[in-house]
């Protein structure tokens, strides 16, 4: 959150950035903390319906009035707040962004109150509150008519944080499941030696690897951007940020549920980590835009020309697959990418209601193709560096999801991988010819005209 606020201030208000960014990035333990207050009773996802008002005092300073409904880290030192200046038009265009300090320059508390802390389903370690603004002092951030775009600047950074957090959650889920099954025996042998369990564990590892690939991919784009990205790179960052956020939140919920099942009855008991892991991961699907909001954001990005950047970035990684065990996936993934291009073009000519209907499925497919291309590219690089086909095989297993359950089953039900399951799960050596055969199987099915699910 502090990184996101620092970037938002640097890009939108040089004066406030000069004053506060050094204090937000202080690494001595004396840094300021950051939060953002968007949500109100009147407007959740529809922030244009927000009712908080900003009024200008006689001394020229700004004061905030109203109620904020869901305020995480409400005790933070600095808070970005959306409010509507008096006389501003209704809707999202009338919103402005303000920076509200917890403590004023004279050391007194700012004029806002915490009504109560939320009794939340998860993330209980981080307090969320209902807050009343009672004439709170705040500085306007940049131009008053740019409030929502400025706030979205911060939201997009925190979406990258969510992609990273869900990748971490999936890794923890895989770790807990792998550790438990390597130490627990049932029906005469260790749990992780049973074929059914091995198949379940591999799915957890695939999710973990794919989540990390997505998170690092969008983080790399963000690092390269550094506030000055343009052209195709800007389009790729604009689209992959919500796409990978949505992918991570959906798969992390599945991963947490599977990990709880692997633990068995103890996984449902609060003495073990799985209940908290499950509860905490659910909020990521809501923070910074629930699934429908993300899908609509993807549509807006496409309508504003970001698709070309997504296509160019995905094609670059697919073409980067080159030779190696994952090589057969390249033409199949290029075909899948061209289907995305055709489907988005067809959607552009549809009516407003018809355009919305396939959005979530299209977003999942776009994320899947982009991640599969990156994974296959990394799989071949890993094989060249180590002689192991492990990552290429996991890439094929992930790419099989683009063809739906029948294609996943065709790869998973081939017992040829079982003798190498321990290496798949724990990072050992996997023959490259096994990975190459898996890639061939997946590629041959994906290249059929109706193969890509969604």
Protein backbone atom coordinates (compact mmCIF):
# COMPACT_ATOMS: atom_id res chain seq x y z
CA UNK A 1 0.00 0.00 0.00
CA UNK A 2 2.85 2.41 0.82
CA UNK A 3 4.51 1.67 -2.53
CA UNK A 4 1.22 2.24 -4.34
CA UNK A 5 0.62 5.55 -2.58
CA UNK A 6 4.18 6.70 -3.27
CA UNK A 7 3.78 5.95 -6.98
CA UNK A 8 0.42 7.67 -7.13
CA UNK A 9 1.81 10.84 -5.54
CA UNK A 10 4.92 10.82 -7.74
CA UNK A 11 2.83 10.62 -10.89
CA UNK A 12 0.12 13.08 -9.88
CA UNK A 13 1.39 15.66 -7.37
CA UNK A 14 5.08 16.55 -7.28
CA UNK A 15 4.73 18.78 -4.21
CA UNK A 16 3.05 16.14 -2.05
CA UNK A 17 5.44 13.50 -3.39
CA UNK A 18 8.47 15.56 -2.37
CA UNK A 19 7.06 15.90 1.14
CA UNK A 20 5.84 12.37 1.81
CA UNK A 21 7.45 9.79 -0.50
CA UNK A 22 10.76 9.80 1.42
CA UNK A 23 8.82 9.16 4.63
CA UNK A 24 6.74 6.39 3.03
CA UNK A 25 9.89 4.63 1.79
CA UNK A 26 11.99 5.07 4.93
CA UNK A 27 13.54 1.69 5.81
CA UNK A 28 14.69 2.53 9.36
CA UNK A 29 11.41 1.46 10.95
CA UNK A 30 10.11 5.03 11.19
CA UNK A 31 8.22 5.01 7.89
CA UNK A 32 4.70 6.34 7.52
CA UNK A 33 1.89 3.88 6.80
CA UNK A 34 -0.69 4.22 4.03
CA UNK A 35 -4.31 3.36 3.25
CA UNK A 36 -7.08 4.31 0.85
CA UNK A 37 -10.77 4.91 1.60
CA UNK A 38 -13.01 4.38 -1.43
CA UNK A 39 -16.09 2.41 -0.39
CA UNK A 40 -19.29 4.01 0.88
CA UNK A 41 -22.74 2.61 1.57
CA UNK A 42 -24.07 4.36 -1.51
CA UNK A 43 -21.24 3.24 -3.76
CA UNK A 44 -19.21 0.04 -3.59
CA UNK A 45 -18.04 -0.91 -7.06
CA UNK A 46 -20.09 2.03 -8.39
CA UNK A 47 -17.86 4.71 -6.88
CA UNK A 48 -19.60 7.35 -8.97
CA UNK A 49 -22.50 7.08 -6.51
CA UNK A 50 -20.30 8.10 -3.57
CA UNK A 51 -21.65 10.87 -1.35
CA UNK A 52 -18.67 12.14 0.69
CA UNK A 53 -18.19 15.86 0.15
CA UNK A 54 -15.10 18.08 0.09
CA UNK A 55 -15.63 21.71 1.03
CA UNK A 56 -13.17 24.58 0.88
CA UNK A 57 -12.68 26.44 4.17
CA UNK A 58 -12.21 30.20 4.49
CA UNK A 59 -8.46 29.73 4.81
CA UNK A 60 -8.36 27.91 1.46
CA UNK A 61 -7.80 24.41 2.89
CA UNK A 62 -10.04 21.45 2.11
CA UNK A 63 -12.26 19.63 4.60
CA UNK A 64 -13.91 16.22 4.10
CA UNK A 65 -17.38 15.26 5.32
CA UNK A 66 -19.30 11.98 5.12
CA UNK A 67 -19.10 8.26 5.85
CA UNK A 68 -16.67 5.66 4.53
CA UNK A 69 -17.95 2.12 4.86
CA UNK A 70 -14.97 -0.24 4.44
CA UNK A 71 -11.63 1.20 5.53
CA UNK A 72 -8.75 -1.24 5.93
CA UNK A 73 -5.72 -0.08 7.93
CA UNK A 74 -7.82 2.83 9.25
CA UNK A 75 -5.04 3.69 11.72
CA UNK A 76 -2.62 4.60 8.91
CA UNK A 77 -0.62 7.84 8.90
CA UNK A 78 -1.71 8.87 5.40
CA UNK A 79 -4.93 8.02 3.61
CA UNK A 80 -6.04 8.64 0.03
CA UNK A 81 -9.75 9.51 0.02
CA UNK A 82 -12.22 10.00 -2.82
CA UNK A 83 -14.67 12.85 -2.23
CA UNK A 84 -16.82 15.16 -4.35
CA UNK A 85 -16.01 18.88 -4.14
CA UNK A 86 -19.03 21.07 -3.54
CA UNK A 87 -20.56 22.04 -6.89
CA UNK A 88 -18.84 19.21 -8.79
CA UNK A 89 -20.97 17.20 -11.23
CA UNK A 90 -22.48 13.84 -10.23
CA UNK A 91 -20.97 10.52 -11.24
CA UNK A 92 -17.34 9.43 -11.38
CA UNK A 93 -16.16 12.52 -13.26
CA UNK A 94 -17.05 14.74 -10.31
CA UNK A 95 -14.82 12.90 -7.82
CA UNK A 96 -11.51 14.27 -6.59
CA UNK A 97 -8.65 12.61 -4.76
CA UNK A 98 -7.42 13.91 -1.41
CA UNK A 99 -4.55 12.98 0.88
CA UNK A 100 -5.73 12.94 4.50
CA UNK A 101 -3.21 12.78 7.38
CA UNK A 102 -4.00 11.01 10.64
CA UNK A 103 -2.24 13.70 12.68
CA UNK A 104 -2.11 17.41 11.85
CA UNK A 105 1.06 19.50 11.81
CA UNK A 106 0.36 20.76 15.35
CA UNK A 107 0.23 17.18 16.67
CA UNK A 108 -3.56 16.99 17.12
CA UNK A 109 -5.74 14.24 15.68
CA UNK A 110 -7.49 14.96 12.40
CA UNK A 111 -11.27 15.29 12.44
CA UNK A 112 -12.45 11.78 11.66
CA UNK A 113 -13.73 9.02 13.88
CA UNK A 114 -13.73 5.22 13.77
CA UNK A 115 -17.28 4.02 14.42
CA UNK A 116 -16.39 0.36 14.79
CA UNK A 117 -14.15 -2.41 13.54
CA UNK A 118 -15.64 -4.87 11.05
CA UNK A 119 -16.33 -8.45 12.18
CA UNK A 120 -14.76 -10.02 9.10
CA UNK A 121 -14.76 -13.51 7.65
CA UNK A 122 -10.99 -13.36 7.11
CA UNK A 123 -7.89 -11.12 7.25
CA UNK A 124 -8.66 -10.53 10.93
CA UNK A 125 -5.03 -9.65 11.60
CA UNK A 126 -5.59 -6.42 9.65
CA UNK A 127 -8.29 -4.18 11.11
CA UNK A 128 -11.01 -2.80 8.83
CA UNK A 129 -13.34 -0.10 10.06
CA UNK A 130 -16.29 2.17 9.38
CA UNK A 131 -15.08 5.78 9.45
CA UNK A 132 -16.89 9.10 9.78
CA UNK A 133 -15.27 12.18 8.24
CA UNK A 134 -16.13 15.20 10.39
CA UNK A 135 -14.49 18.07 8.56
CA UNK A 136 -11.16 16.26 8.23
CA UNK A 137 -8.30 18.30 6.78
CA UNK A 138 -6.88 16.99 3.50
CA UNK A 139 -4.71 18.10 0.59
CA UNK A 140 -6.06 17.77 -2.97
CA UNK A 141 -3.92 15.46 -5.09
CA UNK A 142 -3.20 16.97 -8.49
CA UNK A 143 -6.08 18.24 -10.61
CA UNK A 144 -9.51 18.13 -8.99
CA UNK A 145 -11.14 16.69 -12.12
CA UNK A 146 -8.76 13.71 -12.21
CA UNK A 147 -9.77 12.04 -8.95
CA UNK A 148 -10.88 8.63 -10.20
CA UNK A 149 -8.04 8.11 -12.71
CA UNK A 150 -5.58 9.06 -9.98
CA UNK A 151 -7.13 6.59 -7.56
CA UNK A 152 -7.10 3.88 -10.22
CA UNK A 153 -3.37 4.57 -10.56
CA UNK A 154 -3.02 3.34 -6.97
CA UNK A 155 -5.55 0.54 -7.39
CA UNK A 156 -3.65 -0.94 -10.32
CA UNK A 157 -0.49 -1.14 -8.21
CA UNK A 158 -2.36 -2.87 -5.40
CA UNK A 159 -3.80 -5.30 -7.97
CA UNK A 160 -0.22 -6.33 -8.69
CA UNK A 161 0.13 -6.82 -4.95
CA UNK A 162 -2.91 -9.09 -4.96
CA UNK A 163 -1.47 -11.17 -7.80
CA UNK A 164 1.67 -11.55 -5.69
CA UNK A 165 -0.28 -12.32 -2.50
CA UNK A 166 -2.34 -15.02 -4.19
CA UNK A 167 0.81 -16.56 -5.66
CA UNK A 168 2.20 -16.70 -2.14
CA UNK A 169 -1.03 -18.21 -0.85
CA UNK A 170 -0.94 -20.94 -3.50
CA UNK A 171 2.67 -21.72 -2.64
CA UNK A 172 1.75 -22.00 1.05
CA UNK A 173 -1.18 -24.28 0.19
CA UNK A 174 1.11 -26.52 -1.86
CA UNK A 175 3.73 -26.52 0.90
CA UNK A 176 1.24 -27.54 3.59
CA UNK A 177 -0.20 -30.31 1.41
CA UNK A 178 3.20 -31.64 0.33
CA UNK A 179 4.56 -31.60 3.88
CA UNK A 180 1.51 -33.33 5.34
CA UNK A 181 1.31 -36.08 2.72
CA UNK A 182 5.03 -36.85 2.94
CA UNK A 183 4.69 -37.55 6.68
CA UNK A 184 1.30 -39.22 6.91
CA UNK A 185 0.56 -42.83 5.96
CA UNK A 186 -2.74 -44.47 5.05
CA UNK A 187 -3.62 -47.91 3.69
CA UNK A 188 -0.06 -49.14 4.14
CA UNK A 189 1.93 -46.37 2.45
CA UNK A 190 2.68 -42.68 2.58
CA UNK A 191 -0.15 -40.49 1.35
CA UNK A 192 1.95 -38.87 -1.36
CA UNK A 193 2.64 -42.27 -2.93
CA UNK A 194 -1.03 -42.89 -3.78
CA UNK A 195 -1.76 -42.04 -7.44
CA UNK A 196 -4.97 -40.14 -6.63
CA UNK A 197 -3.17 -38.01 -4.09
CA UNK A 198 -0.27 -37.41 -6.45
CA UNK A 199 -2.65 -36.12 -9.08
CA UNK A 200 -4.24 -33.75 -6.56
CA UNK A 201 -0.85 -32.54 -5.36
CA UNK A 202 0.35 -31.90 -8.91
CA UNK A 203 -2.62 -29.60 -9.47
CA UNK A 204 -1.60 -27.62 -6.39
CA UNK A 205 1.98 -27.35 -7.69
CA UNK A 206 0.76 -26.28 -11.14
CA UNK A 207 -1.32 -23.52 -9.56
CA UNK A 208 1.62 -22.40 -7.44
CA UNK A 209 4.03 -22.24 -10.39
CA UNK A 210 1.48 -20.52 -12.65
CA UNK A 211 0.60 -17.99 -9.96
CA UNK A 212 4.25 -17.09 -9.44
CA UNK A 213 4.79 -16.79 -13.19
CA UNK A 214 1.82 -14.41 -13.49
CA UNK A 215 2.86 -12.29 -10.51
CA UNK A 216 6.46 -11.92 -11.62
CA UNK A 217 5.36 -11.27 -15.20
CA UNK A 218 3.20 -8.28 -14.34
CA UNK A 219 5.73 -7.07 -11.76
CA UNK A 220 8.40 -7.08 -14.47
CA UNK A 221 6.16 -4.98 -16.73
CA UNK A 222 5.54 -2.59 -13.85
CA UNK A 223 9.26 -2.28 -13.13
CA UNK A 224 10.00 -1.58 -16.78
CA UNK A 225 7.24 1.01 -16.87
CA UNK A 226 8.44 3.07 -13.89
CA UNK A 227 5.89 5.74 -14.76
CA UNK A 228 7.01 6.20 -18.35
CA UNK A 229 5.62 3.16 -20.17
CA UNK A 230 4.01 3.70 -23.56
CA UNK A 231 2.82 1.84 -26.64
CA UNK A 232 2.45 -1.93 -26.53
CA UNK A 233 4.08 -2.19 -23.12
CA UNK A 234 1.45 0.15 -21.69
CA UNK A 235 -1.32 -1.94 -23.23
CA UNK A 236 0.18 -5.16 -21.89
CA UNK A 237 0.46 -3.72 -18.38
CA UNK A 238 -3.04 -2.24 -18.56
CA UNK A 239 -4.64 -5.58 -19.47
CA UNK A 240 -2.43 -8.13 -17.73
CA UNK A 241 -2.81 -6.38 -14.36
CA UNK A 242 -6.55 -7.07 -14.02
CA UNK A 243 -6.29 -10.39 -15.87
CA UNK A 244 -3.62 -11.81 -13.58
CA UNK A 245 -5.34 -10.38 -10.50
CA UNK A 246 -8.54 -12.21 -11.48
CA UNK A 247 -6.66 -15.42 -12.33
CA UNK A 248 -4.81 -15.43 -9.01
CA UNK A 249 -7.88 -14.82 -6.88
CA UNK A 250 -9.91 -17.55 -8.59
CA UNK A 251 -7.20 -20.20 -8.53
CA UNK A 252 -6.11 -19.38 -4.96
CA UNK A 253 -9.61 -20.16 -3.68
CA UNK A 254 -9.52 -23.53 -5.42
CA UNK A 255 -6.01 -24.17 -4.12
CA UNK A 256 -6.94 -23.35 -0.51
CA UNK A 257 -9.98 -25.64 -0.67
CA UNK A 258 -7.94 -28.51 -2.11
CA UNK A 259 -5.21 -28.07 0.52
CA UNK A 260 -7.83 -28.22 3.27
CA UNK A 261 -9.19 -31.46 1.80
CA UNK A 262 -5.69 -32.94 1.61
CA UNK A 263 -5.23 -32.35 5.34
CA UNK A 264 -8.51 -34.13 5.99
CA UNK A 265 -10.50 -33.61 9.17
CA UNK A 266 -7.69 -31.65 10.82
CA UNK A 267 -7.85 -29.20 7.93
CA UNK A 268 -11.22 -28.09 9.26
CA UNK A 269 -9.90 -27.52 12.77
CA UNK A 270 -8.58 -24.12 13.87
CA UNK A 271 -5.47 -25.73 15.41
CA UNK A 272 -4.16 -26.14 11.85
CA UNK A 273 -3.37 -23.43 9.28
CA UNK A 274 -5.83 -24.38 6.53
CA UNK A 275 -8.95 -22.63 7.94
CA UNK A 276 -7.16 -19.30 8.13
CA UNK A 277 -5.51 -19.80 4.73
CA UNK A 278 -8.94 -20.43 3.23
CA UNK A 279 -10.62 -17.46 4.94
CA UNK A 280 -7.86 -15.01 4.20
CA UNK A 281 -7.62 -15.77 0.49
CA UNK A 282 -11.29 -15.06 -0.25
CA UNK A 283 -11.02 -11.31 0.22
CA UNK A 284 -8.61 -10.98 -2.70
CA UNK A 285 -11.49 -11.66 -5.08
CA UNK A 286 -13.25 -8.58 -3.67
CA UNK A 287 -10.42 -6.15 -2.98
CA UNK A 288 -9.58 -3.84 -5.90
CA UNK A 289 -12.53 -5.09 -7.93
CA UNK A 290 -14.64 -8.24 -7.78
CA UNK A 291 -14.75 -10.54 -10.78
CA UNK A 292 -17.47 -8.68 -12.67
CA UNK A 293 -15.75 -5.34 -12.07
CA UNK A 294 -12.47 -6.79 -13.32
CA UNK A 295 -14.19 -8.18 -16.41
CA UNK A 296 -15.75 -4.79 -17.18
CA UNK A 297 -12.36 -3.16 -16.67
CA UNK A 298 -10.88 -5.61 -19.18
CA UNK A 299 -13.58 -4.57 -21.65
CA UNK A 300 -12.79 -0.87 -21.09
CA UNK A 301 -9.11 -1.53 -21.61
CA UNK A 302 -9.82 -3.37 -24.86
CA UNK A 303 -12.08 -0.55 -26.06
CA UNK A 304 -9.30 1.95 -25.33
CA UNK A 305 -6.77 0.08 -27.45
CA UNK A 306 -4.87 -2.04 -24.89
CA UNK A 307 -5.49 -5.32 -26.75
CA UNK A 308 -2.62 -4.71 -29.18
CA UNK A 309 -0.20 -4.56 -26.25
CA UNK A 310 -1.57 -7.76 -24.73
CA UNK A 311 -1.30 -9.57 -28.07
CA UNK A 312 2.23 -8.33 -28.72
CA UNK A 313 3.45 -9.26 -25.23
CA UNK A 314 1.85 -12.72 -25.33
CA UNK A 315 3.16 -13.40 -28.83
CA UNK A 316 6.67 -12.38 -27.75
CA UNK A 317 6.67 -14.97 -24.98
CA UNK A 318 5.13 -17.67 -27.17
CA UNK A 319 7.71 -17.08 -29.89
CA UNK A 320 10.36 -17.14 -27.16
CA UNK A 321 9.52 -20.79 -26.44
CA UNK A 322 11.93 -21.80 -29.21
CA UNK A 323 13.33 -25.32 -29.25
CA UNK A 324 13.09 -27.73 -26.36
CA UNK A 325 10.52 -30.04 -24.80
CA UNK A 326 7.79 -27.37 -24.64
CA UNK A 327 8.29 -26.37 -28.28
CA UNK A 328 5.12 -28.14 -29.57
CA UNK A 329 3.04 -25.80 -27.44
CA UNK A 330 4.14 -22.69 -29.37
CA UNK A 331 1.96 -23.06 -32.51
CA UNK A 332 -1.00 -24.23 -30.43
CA UNK A 333 -0.75 -21.21 -28.11
CA UNK A 334 -0.40 -18.89 -31.09
CA UNK A 335 -3.63 -20.38 -32.45
CA UNK A 336 -5.30 -19.79 -29.07
CA UNK A 337 -4.05 -16.21 -29.10
CA UNK A 338 -5.50 -15.63 -32.56
CA UNK A 339 -8.85 -16.94 -31.31
CA UNK A 340 -8.74 -14.35 -28.55
CA UNK A 341 -8.08 -11.70 -31.18
CA UNK A 342 -10.97 -12.88 -33.36
CA UNK A 343 -13.38 -13.18 -30.44
CA UNK A 344 -12.62 -9.69 -29.16
CA UNK A 345 -13.10 -8.30 -32.66
CA UNK A 346 -16.47 -10.05 -32.94
CA UNK A 347 -17.46 -8.77 -29.51
CA UNK A 348 -16.79 -5.18 -30.60
CA UNK A 349 -19.62 -5.39 -33.09
CA UNK A 350 -22.15 -6.72 -30.58
CA UNK A 351 -24.66 -4.74 -28.54
CA UNK A 352 -23.84 -3.52 -25.05
CA UNK A 353 -25.63 -6.39 -23.28
CA UNK A 354 -24.22 -9.06 -25.58
CA UNK A 355 -20.69 -7.73 -25.07
CA UNK A 356 -20.93 -8.31 -21.31
CA UNK A 357 -22.09 -11.93 -21.36
CA UNK A 358 -18.81 -13.66 -22.35
CA UNK A 359 -16.51 -11.26 -20.51
CA UNK A 360 -15.50 -13.39 -17.52
CA UNK A 361 -14.89 -16.46 -19.67
CA UNK A 362 -12.91 -14.37 -22.16
CA UNK A 363 -10.84 -12.84 -19.35
CA UNK A 364 -10.00 -16.29 -17.97
CA UNK A 365 -8.95 -17.47 -21.41
CA UNK A 366 -6.80 -14.37 -22.02
CA UNK A 367 -5.03 -14.88 -18.70
CA UNK A 368 -4.58 -18.59 -19.39
CA UNK A 369 -2.99 -18.06 -22.81
CA UNK A 370 -0.65 -15.37 -21.48
CA UNK A 371 0.47 -17.50 -18.53
CA UNK A 372 0.83 -20.67 -20.60
CA UNK A 373 3.14 -18.85 -23.03
CA UNK A 374 5.32 -17.58 -20.21
CA UNK A 375 5.43 -20.99 -18.50
CA UNK A 376 6.38 -22.82 -21.69
CA UNK A 377 9.11 -20.29 -22.42
CA UNK A 378 10.49 -20.72 -18.90
CA UNK A 379 10.15 -24.50 -19.18
CA UNK A 380 12.45 -24.64 -22.18
CA UNK A 381 14.93 -22.24 -20.56
CA UNK A 382 14.94 -24.44 -17.45
CA UNK A 383 15.45 -27.59 -19.54
CA UNK A 384 18.37 -26.00 -21.38
CA UNK A 385 19.97 -24.91 -18.11
CA UNK A 386 19.41 -28.07 -16.04
CA UNK A 387 18.56 -30.93 -18.40
CA UNK A 388 15.26 -31.42 -16.56
CA UNK A 389 11.85 -31.32 -18.22
CA UNK A 390 9.99 -30.66 -14.95
CA UNK A 391 8.90 -27.09 -15.65
CA UNK A 392 8.08 -27.89 -19.30
CA UNK A 393 5.84 -30.75 -18.16
CA UNK A 394 4.10 -28.48 -15.63
CA UNK A 395 3.65 -25.92 -18.43
CA UNK A 396 1.97 -28.57 -20.58
CA UNK A 397 -0.27 -29.57 -17.69
CA UNK A 398 -1.26 -25.93 -17.20
CA UNK A 399 -1.82 -25.37 -20.94
CA UNK A 400 -4.11 -28.41 -20.99
CA UNK A 401 -6.60 -26.39 -18.91
CA UNK A 402 -7.20 -24.23 -21.99
CA UNK A 403 -8.83 -27.29 -23.54
CA UNK A 404 -11.05 -27.98 -20.55
CA UNK A 405 -11.38 -31.03 -18.34
CA UNK A 406 -11.19 -33.64 -21.15
CA UNK A 407 -7.73 -32.44 -22.20
CA UNK A 408 -6.50 -32.23 -18.60
CA UNK A 409 -7.74 -35.79 -18.11
CA UNK A 410 -5.97 -37.05 -21.21
CA UNK A 411 -2.65 -35.83 -19.88
CA UNK A 412 -3.26 -36.60 -16.20
CA UNK A 413 -4.65 -40.09 -16.79
CA UNK A 414 -1.54 -41.22 -18.70
CA UNK A 415 0.37 -43.07 -15.98
CA UNK A 416 3.72 -42.43 -17.67
CA UNK A 417 4.32 -39.45 -15.36
CA UNK A 418 3.69 -41.33 -12.10
CA UNK A 419 7.25 -42.75 -11.71
CA UNK A 420 8.46 -39.14 -11.82
CA UNK A 421 5.80 -37.73 -9.52
CA UNK A 422 8.18 -37.10 -6.65
CA UNK A 423 10.39 -35.02 -8.93
CA UNK A 424 7.35 -33.17 -10.27
CA UNK A 425 6.22 -32.31 -6.76
CA UNK A 426 9.51 -31.53 -5.06
CA UNK A 427 11.76 -30.20 -7.80
CA UNK A 428 13.79 -33.20 -8.96
CA UNK A 429 14.89 -34.30 -12.40
CA UNK A 430 12.20 -35.12 -15.00
CA UNK A 431 13.17 -36.57 -18.39
CA UNK A 432 12.80 -34.04 -21.18
CA UNK A 433 11.22 -36.63 -23.49
CA UNK A 434 8.38 -37.07 -20.98
CA UNK A 435 7.79 -33.31 -21.04
CA UNK A 436 8.03 -33.27 -24.83
CA UNK A 437 5.44 -36.03 -25.14
CA UNK A 438 3.09 -34.16 -22.80
CA UNK A 439 3.51 -30.97 -24.83
CA UNK A 440 2.76 -32.87 -28.05
CA UNK A 441 -0.41 -34.36 -26.54
CA UNK A 442 -1.70 -30.99 -25.39
CA UNK A 443 -0.71 -29.15 -28.56
CA UNK A 444 -2.42 -31.64 -30.89
CA UNK A 445 -5.72 -31.18 -29.05
CA UNK A 446 -5.48 -27.41 -28.64
CA UNK A 447 -4.96 -26.91 -32.37
CA UNK A 448 -8.36 -28.37 -33.20
CA UNK A 449 -10.81 -25.55 -34.08
CA UNK A 450 -13.11 -25.98 -31.07
CA UNK A 451 -10.49 -26.94 -28.53
CA UNK A 452 -10.01 -23.85 -26.37
CA UNK A 453 -12.52 -23.83 -23.54
CA UNK A 454 -14.42 -20.69 -22.60
